[in-house]
């Protein structure tokens, strides 16, 4: 499967953005999908994940209550709705997917074998 991330941009603090991650080659069905972000000099940090069944979602504490991860009914696109954006949300955002994760491993970037190319989100104060 190939992943294509899009939707990044430059916004002001308090604004919203929706990122999309489209799968080509096969749908996300039975794959855990996630969003990570990276700032210069840092490792990729977990943002949110949706479990392979689509029944549960998980968030980093820093985005809980502001970001929502979802998957479309065709299970070919995963979204990250980002509300009340803050300057500290500025990063390159990556989508990731893998069919073989266990629940305890979903927040670790090293466990994902499929990645999108990243999309820049910049939040100005």
Protein backbone atom coordinates (compact mmCIF):
# COMPACT_ATOMS: atom_id res chain seq x y z
CA UNK A 1 0.00 0.00 0.00
CA UNK A 2 1.13 3.55 -0.74
CA UNK A 3 0.11 6.46 1.45
CA UNK A 4 -0.40 10.04 0.29
CA UNK A 5 -0.72 12.73 2.94
CA UNK A 6 -2.18 16.14 2.20
CA UNK A 7 -3.94 19.09 3.77
CA UNK A 8 -1.16 20.91 5.55
CA UNK A 9 -0.73 24.65 5.42
CA UNK A 10 -0.11 27.89 7.25
CA UNK A 11 -2.79 28.94 9.73
CA UNK A 12 -3.17 31.16 12.75
CA UNK A 13 -3.47 29.99 16.32
CA UNK A 14 -7.03 28.89 17.03
CA UNK A 15 -7.72 27.88 13.44
CA UNK A 16 -8.53 24.40 12.15
CA UNK A 17 -7.06 22.13 9.51
CA UNK A 18 -7.95 18.69 8.24
CA UNK A 19 -5.22 16.38 7.07
CA UNK A 20 -5.95 13.48 4.76
CA UNK A 21 -4.06 10.26 4.18
CA UNK A 22 -5.17 8.35 1.11
CA UNK A 23 -4.26 4.72 0.56
CA UNK A 24 -3.61 3.33 -2.89
CA UNK A 25 -3.23 -0.32 -3.64
CA UNK A 26 -5.58 -1.56 -0.97
CA UNK A 27 -7.95 -0.13 1.63
CA UNK A 28 -7.04 0.40 5.28
CA UNK A 29 -9.37 -2.39 6.34
CA UNK A 30 -7.75 -4.32 9.18
CA UNK A 31 -4.79 -1.94 9.26
CA UNK A 32 -4.02 0.30 12.20
CA UNK A 33 -3.44 3.82 10.93
CA UNK A 34 -1.84 6.72 12.73
CA UNK A 35 -0.51 10.23 12.51
CA UNK A 36 2.89 11.26 13.78
CA UNK A 37 4.62 14.62 13.67
CA UNK A 38 8.20 15.77 13.66
CA UNK A 39 9.84 19.07 14.45
CA UNK A 40 13.44 19.85 13.46
CA UNK A 41 15.93 17.88 15.49
CA UNK A 42 13.30 15.68 17.07
CA UNK A 43 12.08 12.15 16.50
CA UNK A 44 8.65 11.48 15.11
CA UNK A 45 6.11 11.87 17.89
CA UNK A 46 2.83 10.05 18.16
CA UNK A 47 -0.28 12.16 17.56
CA UNK A 48 -3.22 9.81 17.07
CA UNK A 49 -4.13 6.34 15.89
CA UNK A 50 -7.21 4.45 14.88
CA UNK A 51 -7.28 0.76 15.63
CA UNK A 52 -7.49 -1.65 12.72
CA UNK A 53 -11.14 -2.47 13.39
CA UNK A 54 -11.98 1.23 13.35
CA UNK A 55 -13.64 0.81 16.73
CA UNK A 56 -11.20 2.78 18.86
CA UNK A 57 -8.96 5.79 18.58
CA UNK A 58 -6.06 6.96 20.69
CA UNK A 59 -4.43 10.35 21.18
CA UNK A 60 -1.35 11.94 22.59
CA UNK A 61 -2.17 13.98 25.68
CA UNK A 62 -1.04 17.13 23.94
CA UNK A 63 -3.78 16.89 21.30
CA UNK A 64 -6.55 15.15 23.19
CA UNK A 65 -9.79 17.08 22.92
CA UNK A 66 -8.54 19.14 19.97
CA UNK A 67 -7.69 16.54 17.30
CA UNK A 68 -9.88 13.78 15.93
CA UNK A 69 -8.74 10.85 13.81
CA UNK A 70 -11.29 9.16 11.59
CA UNK A 71 -11.57 6.84 8.63
CA UNK A 72 -14.01 7.05 5.74
CA UNK A 73 -16.57 4.33 5.08
CA UNK A 74 -14.63 3.02 2.10
CA UNK A 75 -11.61 2.71 4.41
CA UNK A 76 -9.33 4.30 1.86
CA UNK A 77 -8.72 7.62 3.57
CA UNK A 78 -7.82 8.52 7.13
CA UNK A 79 -8.34 12.04 8.37
CA UNK A 80 -6.91 14.12 11.17
CA UNK A 81 -9.18 16.98 12.09
CA UNK A 82 -7.15 19.53 14.01
CA UNK A 83 -9.01 22.24 15.90
CA UNK A 84 -7.82 25.01 18.20
CA UNK A 85 -4.37 24.81 16.70
CA UNK A 86 -1.45 26.14 18.71
CA UNK A 87 2.00 27.28 17.59
CA UNK A 88 3.45 24.19 19.26
CA UNK A 89 1.49 22.04 16.81
CA UNK A 90 3.80 23.29 14.06
CA UNK A 91 5.50 20.24 12.54
CA UNK A 92 5.65 17.96 9.55
CA UNK A 93 2.81 15.50 9.91
CA UNK A 94 3.12 11.93 8.65
CA UNK A 95 0.54 9.24 8.27
CA UNK A 96 1.49 5.65 8.91
CA UNK A 97 -0.16 2.28 8.67
CA UNK A 98 0.54 -1.33 9.47
CA UNK A 99 -1.53 -4.51 9.54
CA UNK A 100 0.37 -6.31 12.27
CA UNK A 101 0.43 -4.08 15.32
CA UNK A 102 -0.60 -5.01 18.80
CA UNK A 103 -2.38 -2.38 20.85
CA UNK A 104 0.57 -1.64 23.10
CA UNK A 105 2.74 -0.74 20.11
CA UNK A 106 0.57 1.76 18.25
CA UNK A 107 2.28 4.88 19.58
CA UNK A 108 5.78 3.88 18.49
CA UNK A 109 6.83 5.04 15.04
CA UNK A 110 9.33 2.22 14.65
CA UNK A 111 6.49 -0.32 14.55
CA UNK A 112 4.92 1.08 11.38
CA UNK A 113 6.15 -0.18 8.03
CA UNK A 114 4.16 2.06 5.71
CA UNK A 115 4.51 5.82 5.65
CA UNK A 116 3.24 8.80 3.72
CA UNK A 117 5.54 11.57 2.58
CA UNK A 118 4.65 14.18 5.22
CA UNK A 119 2.75 17.44 5.06
CA UNK A 120 3.84 20.68 6.72
CA UNK A 121 1.59 22.34 9.27
CA UNK A 122 2.62 25.78 10.45
CA UNK A 123 0.66 27.61 13.13
CA UNK A 124 1.48 31.27 13.67
CA UNK A 125 0.81 33.05 16.93
